[in-house]
Each structure stands twice: as structure tokens, then as C-alpha cells.
Amino acid sequence: MGPRGWTLTVCNVDFRPGGVWHYCMKCIDEKQGDFYGFESWGKAVYREIEAPEKIAYVDYFSDAEGNVAEGMPSSDITMTFEEYEGKTKLVSRALYASEEALKTVMEMGMEQGITETWDRLEEHVQSLQR
């Protein structure tokens, strides 16, 4: 989870509609300069879970206690799992309240972070198949 050089130090999951996923990503890569040692807390609230097809949740920036960070944009995430050529295809969509909210997270490096998260997941899945 998270971009390269970051690790998940806290991950508490109550995986049910209305349940909460509270997590912390911490930068452990000294080469990332000012980010080294930085913690990024998040809190997701599950809206829908329709096994095995769909997971929907709202993801917020938070603090260590799970309080939503005021003034920070949330993302409405829907993940669908589809059969594709005999395998499972995961489609993840994020919706933001405004263009400005999207711009804010893009400027924070969200695109790089999510791209590296998916790359790391792919590497992990491949390692399990060996």
C-alpha cells in the first residue's frame, strides 16, 4: 500500500458496510528528503460491499485518532471486479467533489502514489504465483 519508500505502519479494517479502514503510511526512504519520517493518515468508510463484484467507500485524510482532516478533499472510490479473459480485472474509480479537489490531490502526488500502489500489488501477486 502506498508509493515506493513508504510502508503501512497502521492498518485497522472493519470490512463491512459502515465499517472503517483506518491506516497510516510512513515514509521510510531517506532519499525522499523532507518526506522521510512523514506519516500520512487516512480513514475510509465502506458504503457498499457486494462480494465478489464491488467495494465502494469514501476515503478521507485523517489524524491518528481517525478524525477527518478538515479542508482536505475526500475521494469516493468504487472498485469493481470483472471477469476478463478467464482472469479477474479490477477497475478502480475515484470521484471528487470538484475540479479543485482533484487538483489538490494531484498536486500532492496522488497519481504517483496510486500508480506505485498498483505496481506494488502486481509485484506481490506475481510473487505469490512463483
N, C-alpha and C. Protein backbone atom coordinates (compact mmCIF):
# COMPACT_ATOMS: atom_id res chain seq x y z
N MET A 1 0.84 -1.18 0.00
CA MET A 1 0.00 0.00 0.00
C MET A 1 0.88 1.24 0.00
N GLY A 2 0.58 2.14 -0.86
CA GLY A 2 1.30 3.41 -0.90
C GLY A 2 2.43 3.41 -1.90
N PRO A 3 3.03 4.59 -2.07
CA PRO A 3 4.14 4.72 -3.02
C PRO A 3 5.39 4.00 -2.52
N ARG A 4 6.32 3.80 -3.42
CA ARG A 4 7.60 3.18 -3.04
C ARG A 4 8.29 4.05 -2.00
N GLY A 5 8.93 3.38 -1.06
CA GLY A 5 9.62 4.11 0.01
C GLY A 5 8.72 4.41 1.20
N TRP A 6 7.48 3.98 1.13
CA TRP A 6 6.52 4.17 2.21
C TRP A 6 6.06 2.80 2.68
N THR A 7 5.73 2.70 3.95
CA THR A 7 5.23 1.44 4.50
C THR A 7 3.96 1.71 5.30
N LEU A 8 3.15 0.71 5.39
CA LEU A 8 1.91 0.81 6.16
C LEU A 8 2.23 0.43 7.60
N THR A 9 2.19 1.41 8.50
CA THR A 9 2.53 1.15 9.90
C THR A 9 1.30 0.86 10.75
N VAL A 10 0.13 1.30 10.30
CA VAL A 10 -1.13 1.04 10.98
C VAL A 10 -2.15 0.64 9.92
N CYS A 11 -2.90 -0.41 10.19
CA CYS A 11 -3.93 -0.85 9.25
C CYS A 11 -5.01 -1.59 10.04
N ASN A 12 -6.05 -0.87 10.40
CA ASN A 12 -7.17 -1.45 11.14
C ASN A 12 -8.38 -1.46 10.21
N VAL A 13 -8.94 -2.65 9.97
CA VAL A 13 -10.01 -2.80 8.99
C VAL A 13 -11.24 -3.45 9.63
N ASP A 14 -12.36 -2.78 9.48
CA ASP A 14 -13.67 -3.34 9.84
C ASP A 14 -14.43 -3.44 8.52
N PHE A 15 -14.22 -4.55 7.82
CA PHE A 15 -14.69 -4.71 6.44
C PHE A 15 -16.15 -5.14 6.39
N ARG A 16 -17.01 -4.11 6.45
CA ARG A 16 -18.46 -4.31 6.34
C ARG A 16 -19.06 -2.95 5.99
N PRO A 17 -20.25 -2.92 5.39
CA PRO A 17 -20.87 -1.62 5.13
C PRO A 17 -20.99 -0.82 6.43
N GLY A 18 -20.53 0.41 6.40
CA GLY A 18 -20.50 1.25 7.60
C GLY A 18 -19.23 1.09 8.41
N GLY A 19 -18.43 0.06 8.09
CA GLY A 19 -17.17 -0.17 8.79
C GLY A 19 -16.10 0.80 8.34
N VAL A 20 -15.04 0.87 9.12
CA VAL A 20 -13.96 1.84 8.88
C VAL A 20 -12.63 1.13 8.66
N TRP A 21 -11.87 1.65 7.72
CA TRP A 21 -10.48 1.26 7.50
C TRP A 21 -9.64 2.47 7.90
N HIS A 22 -8.86 2.36 8.96
CA HIS A 22 -8.00 3.45 9.44
C HIS A 22 -6.56 3.01 9.25
N TYR A 23 -5.77 3.85 8.60
CA TYR A 23 -4.42 3.44 8.23
C TYR A 23 -3.44 4.60 8.30
N CYS A 24 -2.17 4.22 8.33
CA CYS A 24 -1.08 5.21 8.31
C CYS A 24 0.01 4.71 7.39
N MET A 25 0.42 5.57 6.47
CA MET A 25 1.58 5.30 5.62
C MET A 25 2.72 6.18 6.13
N LYS A 26 3.91 5.60 6.26
CA LYS A 26 5.07 6.35 6.74
C LYS A 26 6.21 6.23 5.75
N CYS A 27 6.85 7.37 5.45
CA CYS A 27 8.00 7.37 4.54
C CYS A 27 9.22 6.83 5.27
N ILE A 28 9.79 5.75 4.73
CA ILE A 28 10.97 5.13 5.34
C ILE A 28 12.20 5.25 4.44
N ASP A 29 12.07 6.01 3.36
CA ASP A 29 13.15 6.17 2.38
C ASP A 29 13.86 7.51 2.61
N GLU A 30 15.08 7.45 3.13
CA GLU A 30 15.84 8.67 3.41
C GLU A 30 16.07 9.52 2.17
N LYS A 31 16.06 8.89 0.98
CA LYS A 31 16.28 9.62 -0.27
C LYS A 31 15.11 10.55 -0.62
N GLN A 32 13.99 10.42 0.09
CA GLN A 32 12.84 11.27 -0.20
C GLN A 32 12.86 12.58 0.58
N GLY A 33 14.03 12.92 1.10
CA GLY A 33 14.25 14.24 1.71
C GLY A 33 13.30 14.58 2.83
N ASP A 34 12.58 15.69 2.68
CA ASP A 34 11.70 16.18 3.73
C ASP A 34 10.56 15.22 4.06
N PHE A 35 10.25 14.30 3.15
CA PHE A 35 9.18 13.34 3.42
C PHE A 35 9.64 12.23 4.36
N TYR A 36 10.96 12.02 4.48
CA TYR A 36 11.47 10.94 5.33
C TYR A 36 10.92 11.10 6.75
N GLY A 37 10.28 10.03 7.24
CA GLY A 37 9.70 10.03 8.58
C GLY A 37 8.28 10.58 8.63
N PHE A 38 7.82 11.18 7.54
CA PHE A 38 6.48 11.76 7.49
C PHE A 38 5.42 10.67 7.54
N GLU A 39 4.34 10.91 8.27
CA GLU A 39 3.21 10.00 8.34
C GLU A 39 2.02 10.61 7.63
N SER A 40 1.32 9.79 6.86
CA SER A 40 0.10 10.20 6.18
C SER A 40 -1.01 9.28 6.65
N TRP A 41 -1.98 9.84 7.39
CA TRP A 41 -3.08 9.07 7.95
C TRP A 41 -4.30 9.16 7.06
N GLY A 42 -5.05 8.08 7.00
CA GLY A 42 -6.28 8.06 6.22
C GLY A 42 -7.35 7.26 6.93
N LYS A 43 -8.58 7.54 6.54
CA LYS A 43 -9.73 6.84 7.10
C LYS A 43 -10.73 6.63 5.97
N ALA A 44 -11.09 5.39 5.75
CA ALA A 44 -12.09 5.08 4.73
C ALA A 44 -13.32 4.50 5.42
N VAL A 45 -14.48 4.87 4.91
CA VAL A 45 -15.74 4.33 5.44
C VAL A 45 -16.40 3.56 4.30
N TYR A 46 -16.62 2.27 4.52
CA TYR A 46 -17.21 1.42 3.49
C TYR A 46 -18.70 1.73 3.32
N ARG A 47 -19.10 2.00 2.08
CA ARG A 47 -20.51 2.26 1.76
C ARG A 47 -21.21 0.99 1.30
N GLU A 48 -20.55 0.26 0.40
CA GLU A 48 -21.14 -0.96 -0.17
C GLU A 48 -20.07 -2.03 -0.30
N ILE A 49 -20.47 -3.26 -0.01
CA ILE A 49 -19.64 -4.42 -0.28
C ILE A 49 -20.56 -5.47 -0.87
N GLU A 50 -20.34 -5.76 -2.14
CA GLU A 50 -21.15 -6.76 -2.84
C GLU A 50 -20.21 -7.82 -3.37
N ALA A 51 -19.87 -8.79 -2.51
CA ALA A 51 -18.93 -9.84 -2.89
C ALA A 51 -19.53 -10.69 -4.00
N PRO A 52 -18.77 -11.06 -4.99
CA PRO A 52 -17.38 -10.67 -5.22
C PRO A 52 -17.22 -9.55 -6.25
N GLU A 53 -18.26 -8.76 -6.49
CA GLU A 53 -18.24 -7.81 -7.60
C GLU A 53 -17.80 -6.39 -7.28
N LYS A 54 -18.05 -5.89 -6.06
CA LYS A 54 -17.91 -4.45 -5.85
C LYS A 54 -17.58 -4.10 -4.41
N ILE A 55 -16.71 -3.09 -4.26
CA ILE A 55 -16.43 -2.46 -2.97
C ILE A 55 -16.49 -0.96 -3.22
N ALA A 56 -17.27 -0.25 -2.41
CA ALA A 56 -17.36 1.21 -2.53
C ALA A 56 -17.13 1.82 -1.16
N TYR A 57 -16.33 2.89 -1.14
CA TYR A 57 -16.02 3.55 0.12
C TYR A 57 -15.65 5.00 -0.12
N VAL A 58 -15.70 5.79 0.94
CA VAL A 58 -15.23 7.17 0.88
C VAL A 58 -13.93 7.22 1.66
N ASP A 59 -12.89 7.76 1.02
CA ASP A 59 -11.56 7.82 1.62
C ASP A 59 -11.27 9.26 2.02
N TYR A 60 -10.88 9.44 3.28
CA TYR A 60 -10.61 10.77 3.84
C TYR A 60 -9.18 10.85 4.33
N PHE A 61 -8.62 12.03 4.36
CA PHE A 61 -7.40 12.28 5.11
C PHE A 61 -7.84 12.39 6.56
N SER A 62 -7.02 11.86 7.47
CA SER A 62 -7.40 11.91 8.89
C SER A 62 -6.16 12.11 9.75
N ASP A 63 -6.41 12.10 11.05
CA ASP A 63 -5.30 12.12 12.00
C ASP A 63 -5.19 10.72 12.63
N ALA A 64 -4.28 10.58 13.57
CA ALA A 64 -4.02 9.27 14.19
C ALA A 64 -5.23 8.74 14.97
N GLU A 65 -6.12 9.63 15.38
CA GLU A 65 -7.30 9.20 16.11
C GLU A 65 -8.48 8.89 15.19
N GLY A 66 -8.31 9.13 13.89
CA GLY A 66 -9.38 8.86 12.94
C GLY A 66 -10.29 10.04 12.69
N ASN A 67 -9.94 11.20 13.19
CA ASN A 67 -10.72 12.40 12.92
C ASN A 67 -10.43 12.88 11.50
N VAL A 68 -11.48 13.16 10.74
CA VAL A 68 -11.32 13.60 9.36
C VAL A 68 -10.64 14.96 9.34
N ALA A 69 -9.63 15.09 8.46
CA ALA A 69 -8.88 16.34 8.32
C ALA A 69 -9.73 17.38 7.60
N GLU A 70 -10.08 18.43 8.31
CA GLU A 70 -10.92 19.49 7.74
C GLU A 70 -10.18 20.19 6.60
N GLY A 71 -10.93 20.51 5.56
CA GLY A 71 -10.36 21.23 4.43
C GLY A 71 -9.64 20.38 3.42
N MET A 72 -9.50 19.09 3.70
CA MET A 72 -8.84 18.18 2.75
C MET A 72 -9.91 17.43 1.96
N PRO A 73 -9.66 17.25 0.65
CA PRO A 73 -10.68 16.58 -0.16
C PRO A 73 -10.78 15.08 0.13
N SER A 74 -12.00 14.59 0.08
CA SER A 74 -12.22 13.15 0.19
C SER A 74 -12.39 12.59 -1.22
N SER A 75 -12.25 11.28 -1.34
CA SER A 75 -12.49 10.64 -2.63
C SER A 75 -13.51 9.53 -2.46
N ASP A 76 -14.44 9.49 -3.38
CA ASP A 76 -15.48 8.47 -3.40
C ASP A 76 -14.98 7.37 -4.34
N ILE A 77 -14.59 6.24 -3.77
CA ILE A 77 -13.94 5.16 -4.52
C ILE A 77 -14.93 4.03 -4.77
N THR A 78 -14.94 3.56 -6.02
CA THR A 78 -15.70 2.35 -6.35
C THR A 78 -14.75 1.40 -7.06
N MET A 79 -14.62 0.21 -6.52
CA MET A 79 -13.78 -0.82 -7.12
C MET A 79 -14.69 -1.96 -7.57
N THR A 80 -14.57 -2.32 -8.85
CA THR A 80 -15.34 -3.44 -9.37
C THR A 80 -14.39 -4.53 -9.84
N PHE A 81 -14.84 -5.75 -9.69
CA PHE A 81 -14.06 -6.92 -10.07
C PHE A 81 -14.82 -7.61 -11.19
N GLU A 82 -14.20 -7.68 -12.38
CA GLU A 82 -14.88 -8.18 -13.57
C GLU A 82 -14.10 -9.36 -14.15
N GLU A 83 -14.82 -10.32 -14.68
CA GLU A 83 -14.17 -11.43 -15.38
C GLU A 83 -13.69 -10.90 -16.73
N TYR A 84 -12.42 -11.18 -17.04
CA TYR A 84 -11.84 -10.72 -18.29
C TYR A 84 -10.84 -11.77 -18.77
N GLU A 85 -11.16 -12.40 -19.87
CA GLU A 85 -10.28 -13.42 -20.47
C GLU A 85 -9.86 -14.49 -19.47
N GLY A 86 -10.81 -14.94 -18.69
CA GLY A 86 -10.55 -16.01 -17.72
C GLY A 86 -9.85 -15.57 -16.46
N LYS A 87 -9.66 -14.28 -16.30
CA LYS A 87 -9.00 -13.74 -15.11
C LYS A 87 -9.90 -12.66 -14.50
N THR A 88 -9.45 -12.08 -13.43
CA THR A 88 -10.20 -11.00 -12.79
C THR A 88 -9.55 -9.67 -13.10
N LYS A 89 -10.36 -8.75 -13.58
CA LYS A 89 -9.91 -7.38 -13.86
C LYS A 89 -10.48 -6.48 -12.77
N LEU A 90 -9.61 -5.71 -12.12
CA LEU A 90 -10.01 -4.77 -11.09
C LEU A 90 -10.07 -3.38 -11.71
N VAL A 91 -11.22 -2.73 -11.61
CA VAL A 91 -11.39 -1.37 -12.09
C VAL A 91 -11.66 -0.49 -10.87
N SER A 92 -10.81 0.51 -10.67
CA SER A 92 -10.95 1.41 -9.53
C SER A 92 -11.23 2.82 -10.06
N ARG A 93 -12.32 3.40 -9.58
CA ARG A 93 -12.70 4.75 -9.99
C ARG A 93 -12.77 5.64 -8.76
N ALA A 94 -12.22 6.85 -8.88
CA ALA A 94 -12.27 7.82 -7.79
C ALA A 94 -13.02 9.06 -8.27
N LEU A 95 -13.96 9.51 -7.49
CA LEU A 95 -14.75 10.69 -7.80
C LEU A 95 -14.48 11.74 -6.74
N TYR A 96 -14.26 12.97 -7.18
CA TYR A 96 -14.01 14.08 -6.26
C TYR A 96 -15.14 15.09 -6.37
N ALA A 97 -15.35 15.85 -5.30
CA ALA A 97 -16.47 16.78 -5.24
C ALA A 97 -16.36 17.92 -6.24
N SER A 98 -15.14 18.23 -6.64
CA SER A 98 -14.95 19.36 -7.57
C SER A 98 -13.62 19.19 -8.31
N GLU A 99 -13.48 19.98 -9.35
CA GLU A 99 -12.22 20.00 -10.09
C GLU A 99 -11.09 20.48 -9.18
N GLU A 100 -11.40 21.43 -8.31
CA GLU A 100 -10.40 21.95 -7.37
C GLU A 100 -9.93 20.87 -6.41
N ALA A 101 -10.84 20.02 -5.93
CA ALA A 101 -10.47 18.92 -5.03
C ALA A 101 -9.54 17.95 -5.74
N LEU A 102 -9.86 17.62 -6.99
CA LEU A 102 -8.99 16.75 -7.77
C LEU A 102 -7.62 17.39 -7.97
N LYS A 103 -7.60 18.66 -8.29
CA LYS A 103 -6.33 19.37 -8.50
C LYS A 103 -5.48 19.33 -7.22
N THR A 104 -6.12 19.49 -6.07
CA THR A 104 -5.39 19.46 -4.80
C THR A 104 -4.67 18.14 -4.60
N VAL A 105 -5.39 17.02 -4.78
CA VAL A 105 -4.74 15.73 -4.56
C VAL A 105 -3.71 15.41 -5.63
N MET A 106 -3.94 15.87 -6.85
CA MET A 106 -2.95 15.65 -7.91
C MET A 106 -1.65 16.38 -7.58
N GLU A 107 -1.77 17.60 -7.07
CA GLU A 107 -0.58 18.37 -6.70
C GLU A 107 0.15 17.76 -5.50
N MET A 108 -0.56 16.96 -4.71
CA MET A 108 0.06 16.29 -3.56
C MET A 108 0.79 15.00 -3.98
N GLY A 109 0.68 14.61 -5.24
CA GLY A 109 1.36 13.41 -5.72
C GLY A 109 0.49 12.17 -5.73
N MET A 110 -0.83 12.34 -5.71
CA MET A 110 -1.75 11.20 -5.66
C MET A 110 -1.57 10.26 -6.86
N GLU A 111 -1.34 10.82 -8.04
CA GLU A 111 -1.19 9.96 -9.22
C GLU A 111 0.01 9.03 -9.07
N GLN A 112 1.13 9.56 -8.66
CA GLN A 112 2.32 8.72 -8.45
C GLN A 112 2.06 7.70 -7.36
N GLY A 113 1.44 8.13 -6.26
CA GLY A 113 1.18 7.23 -5.14
C GLY A 113 0.28 6.06 -5.53
N ILE A 114 -0.79 6.34 -6.26
CA ILE A 114 -1.71 5.26 -6.62
C ILE A 114 -1.10 4.36 -7.70
N THR A 115 -0.35 4.96 -8.62
CA THR A 115 0.32 4.15 -9.65
C THR A 115 1.31 3.18 -9.01
N GLU A 116 2.10 3.68 -8.06
CA GLU A 116 3.06 2.81 -7.39
C GLU A 116 2.38 1.79 -6.50
N THR A 117 1.24 2.14 -5.91
CA THR A 117 0.47 1.17 -5.13
C THR A 117 0.03 0.01 -6.01
N TRP A 118 -0.53 0.31 -7.19
CA TRP A 118 -0.97 -0.76 -8.11
C TRP A 118 0.22 -1.56 -8.61
N ASP A 119 1.36 -0.91 -8.88
CA ASP A 119 2.57 -1.63 -9.30
C ASP A 119 3.02 -2.59 -8.20
N ARG A 120 3.00 -2.13 -6.97
CA ARG A 120 3.42 -2.97 -5.85
C ARG A 120 2.46 -4.15 -5.66
N LEU A 121 1.16 -3.92 -5.85
CA LEU A 121 0.20 -5.02 -5.76
C LEU A 121 0.49 -6.06 -6.84
N GLU A 122 0.74 -5.60 -8.07
CA GLU A 122 1.04 -6.53 -9.16
C GLU A 122 2.28 -7.36 -8.83
N GLU A 123 3.32 -6.72 -8.31
CA GLU A 123 4.55 -7.44 -7.94
C GLU A 123 4.26 -8.47 -6.85
N HIS A 124 3.44 -8.10 -5.88
CA HIS A 124 3.10 -9.03 -4.79
C HIS A 124 2.33 -10.24 -5.33
N VAL A 125 1.34 -9.99 -6.17
CA VAL A 125 0.55 -11.10 -6.74
C VAL A 125 1.46 -12.02 -7.56
N GLN A 126 2.36 -11.45 -8.34
CA GLN A 126 3.29 -12.27 -9.13
C GLN A 126 4.19 -13.10 -8.24
N SER A 127 4.61 -12.55 -7.11
CA SER A 127 5.49 -13.30 -6.20
C SER A 127 4.74 -14.50 -5.58
N LEU A 128 3.43 -14.38 -5.43
CA LEU A 128 2.64 -15.48 -4.88
C LEU A 128 2.44 -16.60 -5.89
N GLN A 129 2.60 -16.30 -7.16
CA GLN A 129 2.38 -17.29 -8.23
C GLN A 129 3.63 -18.09 -8.55
N ARG A 130 4.74 -17.75 -7.93
CA ARG A 130 6.00 -18.44 -8.21
C ARG A 130 6.13 -19.71 -7.43
